[in-house]
Amino acid sequence: LIAKAIFDMNPDSEFYYEQSFPLDWMYPHLSPHGVVMKLNRTPLDTITANEVEKDLEFWTAKIKQLQSNPKFATDNTRKAYSYLRCSIAGVYAWRAQPQNTKDAGERQRMFQAAEKAFQQSLELFPASPASVYGYTGLEANNQKYQAALDVAKTAAQADPSNQQLKGLVQQVEQMVAATKPKDSSLLEKEFDS
């Protein structure tokens, strides 16, 4: 990739990244930096608790600032900021996966950071496809199917004409149904037959 070549050929330069397309090689190098991400020279073992807290504080203040501005009411502005927040949530979600972070406590911390970041992204634009799919995927991957369903339903209510969101609700409803225990009376009938 061109981005990797530029990064590798400029070892003395700092890089910051506004994600328009996720690049897998970058995830271990990324840390939150305002509305964008810093592309660190070496892979990070962790994103510190202090960095996560600063990130959440930054976005809490940014959301408050944006919501007090009448120009923020346009869908395009809301979508843009929502996507920026979603991109950072995606970094936390990546680090919450067992194949990317070995320590269970660290994975849980990154899961919680991802949840909060996705929530902030959806606060900015409730029907953001990237945020909705990212957040429902995060919850479903952690077997929190009811939470995933709640996210999908809220987004579908925010954009009732969106057929993809309706389909997502149906998919997650099937996951929820598949995890519910069968009625014990039905089990007894199966054994009696």
Protein backbone atom coordinates (compact mmCIF):
# COMPACT_ATOMS: atom_id res chain seq x y z
CA LEU A 1 0.00 0.00 0.00
CA ILE A 2 1.10 3.53 -0.70
CA ALA A 3 0.29 4.71 2.84
CA LYS A 4 2.55 2.00 4.33
CA ALA A 5 5.37 2.86 1.93
CA ILE A 6 5.15 6.57 2.78
CA PHE A 7 5.06 5.74 6.49
CA ASP A 8 8.09 3.43 6.23
CA MET A 9 10.12 5.85 4.07
CA ASN A 10 9.68 8.73 6.53
CA PRO A 11 10.84 7.39 9.91
CA ASP A 12 11.47 10.86 11.36
CA SER A 13 8.00 12.21 10.55
CA GLU A 14 4.85 12.10 12.65
CA PHE A 15 1.66 10.89 11.01
CA TYR A 16 -1.99 11.48 11.84
CA TYR A 17 -4.81 9.58 10.23
CA GLU A 18 -8.42 10.36 9.41
CA GLN A 19 -9.83 7.00 8.50
CA SER A 20 -11.83 6.78 5.32
CA PHE A 21 -11.12 3.08 4.89
CA PRO A 22 -9.79 0.75 7.61
CA LEU A 23 -6.24 -0.45 6.95
CA ASP A 24 -5.48 -3.52 9.05
CA TRP A 25 -1.75 -2.87 9.33
CA MET A 26 -2.44 0.44 11.07
CA TYR A 27 -4.57 -0.79 13.97
CA PRO A 28 -1.69 -1.70 16.32
CA HIS A 29 -0.11 1.71 15.63
CA LEU A 30 -3.16 3.91 16.18
CA SER A 31 -4.07 5.96 19.24
CA PRO A 32 -6.77 8.64 19.64
CA HIS A 33 -5.73 12.22 18.96
CA GLY A 34 -8.67 14.61 18.95
CA VAL A 35 -10.93 14.03 15.95
CA VAL A 36 -8.25 11.95 14.22
CA MET A 37 -5.77 9.27 15.25
CA LYS A 38 -2.04 9.33 15.69
CA LEU A 39 -0.17 6.74 13.67
CA ASN A 40 2.60 5.81 16.09
CA ARG A 41 5.94 4.69 14.73
CA THR A 42 5.93 1.36 16.58
CA PRO A 43 2.97 -0.85 17.46
CA LEU A 44 1.46 -0.01 20.85
CA ASP A 45 1.11 -2.66 23.52
CA THR A 46 -1.87 -0.76 24.88
CA ILE A 47 -3.78 2.47 24.77
CA THR A 48 -3.39 3.72 28.32
CA ALA A 49 -6.29 4.43 30.65
CA ASN A 50 -5.20 8.07 30.67
CA GLU A 51 -5.36 8.24 26.84
CA VAL A 52 -8.82 6.66 26.83
CA GLU A 53 -10.05 9.08 29.50
CA LYS A 54 -8.67 12.09 27.59
CA ASP A 55 -10.31 10.80 24.42
CA LEU A 56 -13.71 10.42 26.11
CA GLU A 57 -13.41 13.87 27.70
CA PHE A 58 -12.43 15.42 24.37
CA TRP A 59 -15.43 13.91 22.58
CA THR A 60 -17.85 14.75 25.39
CA ALA A 61 -16.80 18.41 25.12
CA LYS A 62 -16.81 18.29 21.29
CA ILE A 63 -20.33 16.85 21.18
CA LYS A 64 -21.59 19.51 23.58
CA GLN A 65 -19.93 22.21 21.45
CA LEU A 66 -21.37 20.82 18.22
CA GLN A 67 -24.87 20.41 19.58
CA SER A 68 -24.93 24.05 20.70
CA ASN A 69 -24.10 25.18 17.15
CA PRO A 70 -27.12 25.58 14.80
CA LYS A 71 -24.92 24.71 11.80
CA PHE A 72 -24.43 21.24 13.31
CA ALA A 73 -28.07 20.40 12.57
CA THR A 74 -27.29 19.42 8.96
CA ASP A 75 -27.10 15.68 8.36
CA ASN A 76 -23.77 15.93 6.50
CA THR A 77 -22.03 17.61 9.43
CA ARG A 78 -23.49 15.16 11.93
CA LYS A 79 -22.54 12.20 9.72
CA ALA A 80 -18.96 13.45 9.32
CA TYR A 81 -18.32 13.84 13.05
CA SER A 82 -20.11 10.58 13.79
CA TYR A 83 -17.83 8.78 11.35
CA LEU A 84 -14.72 10.32 12.91
CA ARG A 85 -15.85 9.09 16.34
CA CYS A 86 -16.76 5.70 14.94
CA SER A 87 -13.26 5.30 13.49
CA ILE A 88 -11.72 5.69 16.94
CA ALA A 89 -14.31 3.31 18.38
CA GLY A 90 -13.15 0.82 15.76
CA VAL A 91 -9.59 1.00 17.11
CA TYR A 92 -10.84 0.20 20.61
CA ALA A 93 -13.02 -2.61 19.22
CA TRP A 94 -10.03 -4.05 17.36
CA ARG A 95 -8.06 -4.12 20.62
CA ALA A 96 -11.00 -5.79 22.40
CA GLN A 97 -10.63 -8.91 20.25
CA PRO A 98 -8.77 -11.91 21.74
CA GLN A 99 -6.55 -12.34 18.68
CA ASN A 100 -5.31 -8.76 19.07
CA THR A 101 -4.98 -8.43 22.85
CA LYS A 102 -4.03 -11.38 25.03
CA ASP A 103 -4.79 -9.91 28.46
CA ALA A 104 -8.48 -10.40 29.40
CA GLY A 105 -8.54 -7.29 31.61
CA GLU A 106 -7.13 -5.15 28.81
CA ARG A 107 -9.68 -6.57 26.35
CA GLN A 108 -12.49 -5.69 28.76
CA ARG A 109 -11.14 -2.16 29.19
CA MET A 110 -10.98 -1.73 25.40
CA PHE A 111 -14.48 -3.21 25.04
CA GLN A 112 -15.82 -0.60 27.48
CA ALA A 113 -13.98 2.20 25.67
CA ALA A 114 -15.38 0.98 22.33
CA GLU A 115 -18.92 0.89 23.74
CA LYS A 116 -18.65 4.47 25.00
CA ALA A 117 -17.13 5.70 21.73
CA PHE A 118 -19.82 3.98 19.63
CA GLN A 119 -22.48 5.49 21.90
CA GLN A 120 -20.98 8.94 21.34
CA SER A 121 -20.88 8.32 17.60
CA LEU A 122 -24.56 7.40 17.61
CA GLU A 123 -25.35 10.43 19.75
CA LEU A 124 -23.93 12.50 16.89
CA PHE A 125 -25.89 10.62 14.20
CA PRO A 126 -28.26 7.87 15.43
CA ALA A 127 -28.54 6.03 12.10
CA SER A 128 -24.86 6.03 11.13
CA PRO A 129 -24.40 2.71 9.31
CA ALA A 130 -20.72 2.38 10.27
CA SER A 131 -21.51 3.05 13.93
CA VAL A 132 -24.58 0.82 14.05
CA TYR A 133 -22.85 -2.12 12.39
CA GLY A 134 -19.67 -1.59 14.41
CA TYR A 135 -21.52 -1.36 17.70
CA THR A 136 -23.85 -4.31 17.05
CA GLY A 137 -20.84 -6.35 15.93
CA LEU A 138 -18.94 -5.45 19.10
CA GLU A 139 -21.88 -6.48 21.28
CA ALA A 140 -22.62 -9.67 19.31
CA ASN A 141 -18.96 -10.73 19.32
CA ASN A 142 -19.12 -10.48 23.12
CA GLN A 143 -22.38 -12.48 23.18
CA LYS A 144 -24.38 -9.45 24.30
CA TYR A 145 -27.11 -10.12 21.77
CA GLN A 146 -29.87 -8.18 23.52
CA ALA A 147 -27.63 -5.10 23.69
CA ALA A 148 -26.86 -5.55 19.97
CA LEU A 149 -30.59 -5.77 19.26
CA ASP A 150 -31.28 -2.59 21.23
CA VAL A 151 -28.67 -0.72 19.15
CA ALA A 152 -30.08 -2.02 15.87
CA LYS A 153 -33.69 -1.22 16.81
CA THR A 154 -32.83 2.31 17.93
CA ALA A 155 -31.07 2.97 14.62
CA ALA A 156 -33.95 1.49 12.62
CA GLN A 157 -36.37 3.79 14.47
CA ALA A 158 -34.12 6.77 13.67
CA ASP A 159 -34.17 5.88 9.96
CA PRO A 160 -37.38 3.89 9.34
CA SER A 161 -36.95 3.84 5.55
CA ASN A 162 -33.52 2.15 5.75
CA GLN A 163 -34.03 -1.45 4.63
CA GLN A 164 -30.49 -2.48 5.62
CA LEU A 165 -31.16 -1.48 9.22
CA LYS A 166 -34.44 -3.42 9.18
CA GLY A 167 -32.50 -6.43 7.92
CA LEU A 168 -29.93 -5.98 10.67
CA VAL A 169 -32.71 -5.96 13.27
CA GLN A 170 -34.01 -9.25 11.86
CA GLN A 171 -30.54 -10.80 11.90
CA VAL A 172 -29.92 -9.82 15.50
CA GLU A 173 -33.41 -10.96 16.52
CA GLN A 174 -32.49 -14.39 15.14
CA MET A 175 -29.30 -14.35 17.25
CA VAL A 176 -31.30 -13.46 20.35
CA ALA A 177 -33.85 -16.21 19.62
CA ALA A 178 -31.09 -18.78 19.07
CA THR A 179 -29.59 -18.06 22.48
CA LYS A 180 -32.83 -18.30 24.46
CA PRO A 181 -33.33 -21.61 26.27
CA LYS A 182 -36.15 -23.74 24.96
CA ASP A 183 -39.34 -23.88 26.96
CA SER A 184 -38.94 -26.80 29.40
CA SER A 185 -42.42 -28.13 28.51
CA LEU A 186 -41.26 -28.42 24.90
CA LEU A 187 -38.15 -30.29 26.04
CA GLU A 188 -40.29 -32.73 28.01
CA LYS A 189 -42.42 -33.41 24.91
CA GLU A 190 -39.25 -34.08 22.87
CA PHE A 191 -38.05 -36.63 25.44
CA ASP A 192 -41.48 -38.28 25.73
CA SER A 193 -41.67 -38.95 21.99
